[in-house]
């Protein structure tokens, strides 16, 4: 019983870190995944590097965007969730 009491602060810290850091991050990832899966041609998006563009083609893992100077192809994961 004494071992459990000595480990209780450590277990409490792990639980707090889980609740404060891990759960919100998982929720954000889930929302981002839903947003990326719902992309359609014509949507205006922002990339993680700050490039604004309009979706013109969607592939399995990449998206083609039209920007002022032409077109670029980026990974879907690099599109920011608005």
N, C-alpha and C. Protein backbone atom coordinates (compact mmCIF):
# COMPACT_ATOMS: atom_id res chain seq x y z
N UNK A 1 0.82 -1.20 0.00
CA UNK A 1 0.00 0.00 0.00
C UNK A 1 0.86 1.26 0.00
N UNK A 2 1.98 1.20 0.71
CA UNK A 2 2.87 2.34 0.80
C UNK A 2 3.48 2.70 -0.56
N UNK A 3 3.73 1.69 -1.41
CA UNK A 3 4.28 1.95 -2.74
C UNK A 3 3.30 2.74 -3.61
N UNK A 4 2.03 2.43 -3.48
CA UNK A 4 1.01 3.14 -4.26
C UNK A 4 0.94 4.59 -3.84
N UNK A 5 1.03 4.85 -2.56
CA UNK A 5 0.99 6.22 -2.05
C UNK A 5 2.19 7.02 -2.55
N UNK A 6 3.35 6.39 -2.64
CA UNK A 6 4.53 7.11 -3.13
C UNK A 6 4.45 7.35 -4.64
N UNK A 7 3.76 6.49 -5.36
CA UNK A 7 3.62 6.67 -6.81
C UNK A 7 2.44 7.56 -7.19
N UNK A 8 1.57 7.85 -6.25
CA UNK A 8 0.37 8.64 -6.55
C UNK A 8 0.68 10.01 -7.16
N UNK A 9 1.65 10.78 -6.67
CA UNK A 9 1.96 12.06 -7.32
C UNK A 9 2.42 11.90 -8.78
N UNK A 10 3.20 10.88 -9.04
CA UNK A 10 3.67 10.64 -10.41
C UNK A 10 2.50 10.26 -11.32
N UNK A 11 1.64 9.41 -10.84
CA UNK A 11 0.46 9.01 -11.62
C UNK A 11 -0.44 10.21 -11.86
N UNK A 12 -0.59 11.05 -10.86
CA UNK A 12 -1.41 12.27 -11.00
C UNK A 12 -0.84 13.19 -12.06
N UNK A 13 0.46 13.36 -12.09
CA UNK A 13 1.10 14.21 -13.10
C UNK A 13 0.85 13.65 -14.50
N UNK A 14 0.98 12.35 -14.68
CA UNK A 14 0.71 11.74 -15.99
C UNK A 14 -0.74 11.93 -16.41
N UNK A 15 -1.66 11.80 -15.49
CA UNK A 15 -3.07 11.99 -15.81
C UNK A 15 -3.34 13.44 -16.21
N UNK A 16 -2.76 14.37 -15.50
CA UNK A 16 -2.94 15.80 -15.82
C UNK A 16 -2.35 16.11 -17.19
N UNK A 17 -1.16 15.63 -17.49
CA UNK A 17 -0.56 15.84 -18.81
C UNK A 17 -1.44 15.25 -19.91
N UNK A 18 -1.98 14.09 -19.67
CA UNK A 18 -2.86 13.45 -20.64
C UNK A 18 -4.08 14.32 -20.91
N UNK A 19 -4.70 14.80 -19.86
CA UNK A 19 -5.91 15.60 -20.01
C UNK A 19 -5.65 16.97 -20.61
N UNK A 20 -4.54 17.58 -20.27
CA UNK A 20 -4.26 18.94 -20.71
C UNK A 20 -3.61 18.98 -22.09
N UNK A 21 -2.73 18.05 -22.40
CA UNK A 21 -1.98 18.10 -23.65
C UNK A 21 -2.48 17.14 -24.72
N UNK A 22 -2.66 15.90 -24.38
CA UNK A 22 -2.92 14.88 -25.38
C UNK A 22 -4.35 14.94 -25.93
N UNK A 23 -5.34 15.05 -25.09
CA UNK A 23 -6.73 15.05 -25.56
C UNK A 23 -7.05 16.23 -26.48
N UNK A 24 -6.69 17.47 -26.13
CA UNK A 24 -6.97 18.57 -27.05
C UNK A 24 -6.25 18.43 -28.40
N UNK A 25 -5.02 17.93 -28.37
CA UNK A 25 -4.28 17.73 -29.62
C UNK A 25 -4.97 16.70 -30.49
N UNK A 26 -5.45 15.64 -29.89
CA UNK A 26 -6.17 14.60 -30.64
C UNK A 26 -7.45 15.15 -31.25
N UNK A 27 -8.16 16.00 -30.51
CA UNK A 27 -9.37 16.62 -31.04
C UNK A 27 -9.06 17.51 -32.23
N UNK A 28 -7.97 18.31 -32.13
CA UNK A 28 -7.57 19.17 -33.25
C UNK A 28 -7.21 18.34 -34.48
N UNK A 29 -6.49 17.25 -34.28
CA UNK A 29 -6.12 16.38 -35.40
C UNK A 29 -7.35 15.78 -36.06
N UNK A 30 -8.32 15.40 -35.27
CA UNK A 30 -9.55 14.82 -35.81
C UNK A 30 -10.32 15.86 -36.63
N UNK A 31 -10.42 17.11 -36.12
CA UNK A 31 -11.09 18.18 -36.86
C UNK A 31 -10.36 18.47 -38.17
N UNK A 32 -9.02 18.51 -38.11
CA UNK A 32 -8.23 18.79 -39.31
C UNK A 32 -8.44 17.70 -40.36
N UNK A 33 -8.45 16.47 -39.92
CA UNK A 33 -8.65 15.35 -40.85
C UNK A 33 -10.02 15.45 -41.51
N UNK A 34 -11.06 15.78 -40.75
CA UNK A 34 -12.40 15.94 -41.31
C UNK A 34 -12.43 17.09 -42.31
N UNK A 35 -11.75 18.19 -41.98
CA UNK A 35 -11.70 19.36 -42.87
C UNK A 35 -11.01 19.00 -44.19
N UNK A 36 -9.89 18.31 -44.11
CA UNK A 36 -9.14 17.95 -45.32
C UNK A 36 -9.95 16.96 -46.17
N UNK A 37 -10.63 16.02 -45.54
CA UNK A 37 -11.43 15.06 -46.29
C UNK A 37 -12.64 15.71 -46.96
N UNK A 38 -13.09 16.84 -46.41
CA UNK A 38 -14.25 17.53 -46.97
C UNK A 38 -13.88 18.56 -48.02
N UNK A 39 -12.59 18.70 -48.33
CA UNK A 39 -12.17 19.67 -49.35
C UNK A 39 -12.81 19.33 -50.69
N UNK A 40 -13.16 20.38 -51.42
CA UNK A 40 -13.70 20.19 -52.76
C UNK A 40 -13.09 21.24 -53.68
N UNK A 41 -13.19 20.99 -54.95
CA UNK A 41 -12.64 21.91 -55.94
C UNK A 41 -13.35 23.26 -55.81
N UNK A 42 -12.56 24.32 -55.80
CA UNK A 42 -13.09 25.67 -55.67
C UNK A 42 -12.95 26.25 -54.28
N UNK A 43 -12.60 25.44 -53.29
CA UNK A 43 -12.41 25.94 -51.93
C UNK A 43 -11.16 26.80 -51.84
N UNK A 44 -11.26 27.91 -51.12
CA UNK A 44 -10.09 28.74 -50.83
C UNK A 44 -9.45 28.21 -49.56
N UNK A 45 -8.13 28.02 -49.58
CA UNK A 45 -7.42 27.45 -48.45
C UNK A 45 -6.15 28.24 -48.17
N UNK A 46 -5.58 27.98 -47.01
CA UNK A 46 -4.29 28.54 -46.60
C UNK A 46 -3.39 27.37 -46.25
N UNK A 47 -2.16 27.38 -46.73
CA UNK A 47 -1.21 26.33 -46.38
C UNK A 47 -0.52 26.69 -45.07
N UNK A 48 0.19 25.74 -44.49
CA UNK A 48 0.88 26.01 -43.23
C UNK A 48 2.04 26.99 -43.41
N UNK A 49 2.46 27.23 -44.64
CA UNK A 49 3.51 28.21 -44.89
C UNK A 49 2.94 29.59 -45.24
N UNK A 50 1.61 29.74 -45.19
CA UNK A 50 0.98 31.03 -45.40
C UNK A 50 0.59 31.34 -46.83
N UNK A 51 0.56 30.35 -47.71
CA UNK A 51 0.20 30.57 -49.10
C UNK A 51 -1.31 30.42 -49.25
N UNK A 52 -1.94 31.43 -49.82
CA UNK A 52 -3.37 31.38 -50.10
C UNK A 52 -3.56 30.83 -51.50
N UNK A 53 -4.55 29.97 -51.68
CA UNK A 53 -4.81 29.42 -52.99
C UNK A 53 -6.20 28.85 -53.09
N UNK A 54 -6.57 28.47 -54.30
CA UNK A 54 -7.87 27.85 -54.56
C UNK A 54 -7.62 26.45 -55.08
N UNK A 55 -8.36 25.48 -54.56
CA UNK A 55 -8.20 24.08 -54.92
C UNK A 55 -8.73 23.87 -56.35
N UNK A 56 -7.88 23.26 -57.20
CA UNK A 56 -8.31 22.97 -58.57
C UNK A 56 -8.25 21.48 -58.88
N UNK A 57 -7.52 20.72 -58.07
CA UNK A 57 -7.43 19.29 -58.30
C UNK A 57 -7.14 18.61 -56.97
N UNK A 58 -7.80 17.48 -56.75
CA UNK A 58 -7.61 16.74 -55.51
C UNK A 58 -7.21 15.31 -55.87
N UNK A 59 -6.07 14.89 -55.32
CA UNK A 59 -5.62 13.51 -55.49
C UNK A 59 -5.69 12.83 -54.13
N UNK A 60 -5.19 11.61 -54.07
CA UNK A 60 -5.28 10.84 -52.83
C UNK A 60 -4.57 11.53 -51.66
N UNK A 61 -3.34 11.98 -51.87
CA UNK A 61 -2.57 12.59 -50.79
C UNK A 61 -2.17 14.03 -51.06
N UNK A 62 -2.43 14.54 -52.26
CA UNK A 62 -2.02 15.89 -52.61
C UNK A 62 -3.20 16.71 -53.13
N UNK A 63 -2.98 18.02 -53.12
CA UNK A 63 -3.97 18.96 -53.63
C UNK A 63 -3.22 19.94 -54.52
N UNK A 64 -3.81 20.29 -55.65
CA UNK A 64 -3.23 21.30 -56.52
C UNK A 64 -3.95 22.61 -56.28
N UNK A 65 -3.18 23.66 -56.02
CA UNK A 65 -3.74 24.98 -55.75
C UNK A 65 -3.34 25.94 -56.84
N UNK A 66 -4.27 26.83 -57.20
CA UNK A 66 -3.96 27.92 -58.10
C UNK A 66 -3.60 29.12 -57.22
N UNK A 67 -2.43 29.69 -57.50
CA UNK A 67 -2.01 30.89 -56.81
C UNK A 67 -1.78 31.96 -57.87
N UNK A 68 -1.42 33.15 -57.44
CA UNK A 68 -1.26 34.27 -58.36
C UNK A 68 -0.25 33.99 -59.48
N UNK A 69 0.82 33.30 -59.16
CA UNK A 69 1.90 33.06 -60.12
C UNK A 69 1.80 31.71 -60.84
N UNK A 70 0.74 30.95 -60.63
CA UNK A 70 0.64 29.65 -61.29
C UNK A 70 -0.05 28.63 -60.41
N UNK A 71 0.44 27.41 -60.47
CA UNK A 71 -0.13 26.32 -59.70
C UNK A 71 0.96 25.66 -58.87
N UNK A 72 0.56 25.14 -57.71
CA UNK A 72 1.46 24.35 -56.89
C UNK A 72 0.72 23.12 -56.41
N UNK A 73 1.47 22.08 -56.15
CA UNK A 73 0.89 20.84 -55.62
C UNK A 73 1.48 20.62 -54.23
N UNK A 74 0.61 20.47 -53.24
CA UNK A 74 1.06 20.29 -51.86
C UNK A 74 0.36 19.09 -51.24
N UNK A 75 0.91 18.63 -50.13
CA UNK A 75 0.28 17.54 -49.39
C UNK A 75 -0.98 18.07 -48.70
N UNK A 76 -1.97 17.21 -48.60
CA UNK A 76 -3.20 17.59 -47.91
C UNK A 76 -2.95 17.95 -46.46
N UNK A 77 -1.99 17.29 -45.85
CA UNK A 77 -1.71 17.55 -44.43
C UNK A 77 -1.16 18.94 -44.17
N UNK A 78 -0.70 19.64 -45.21
CA UNK A 78 -0.13 20.96 -45.05
C UNK A 78 -1.15 22.08 -45.22
N UNK A 79 -2.42 21.73 -45.35
CA UNK A 79 -3.48 22.73 -45.43
C UNK A 79 -3.96 22.99 -44.00
N UNK A 80 -4.08 24.27 -43.66
CA UNK A 80 -4.50 24.64 -42.30
C UNK A 80 -6.00 24.52 -42.14
N UNK A 81 -6.40 24.20 -40.93
CA UNK A 81 -7.81 24.15 -40.57
C UNK A 81 -8.23 25.56 -40.19
N UNK A 82 -9.31 26.04 -40.83
CA UNK A 82 -9.78 27.40 -40.54
C UNK A 82 -10.69 27.39 -39.35
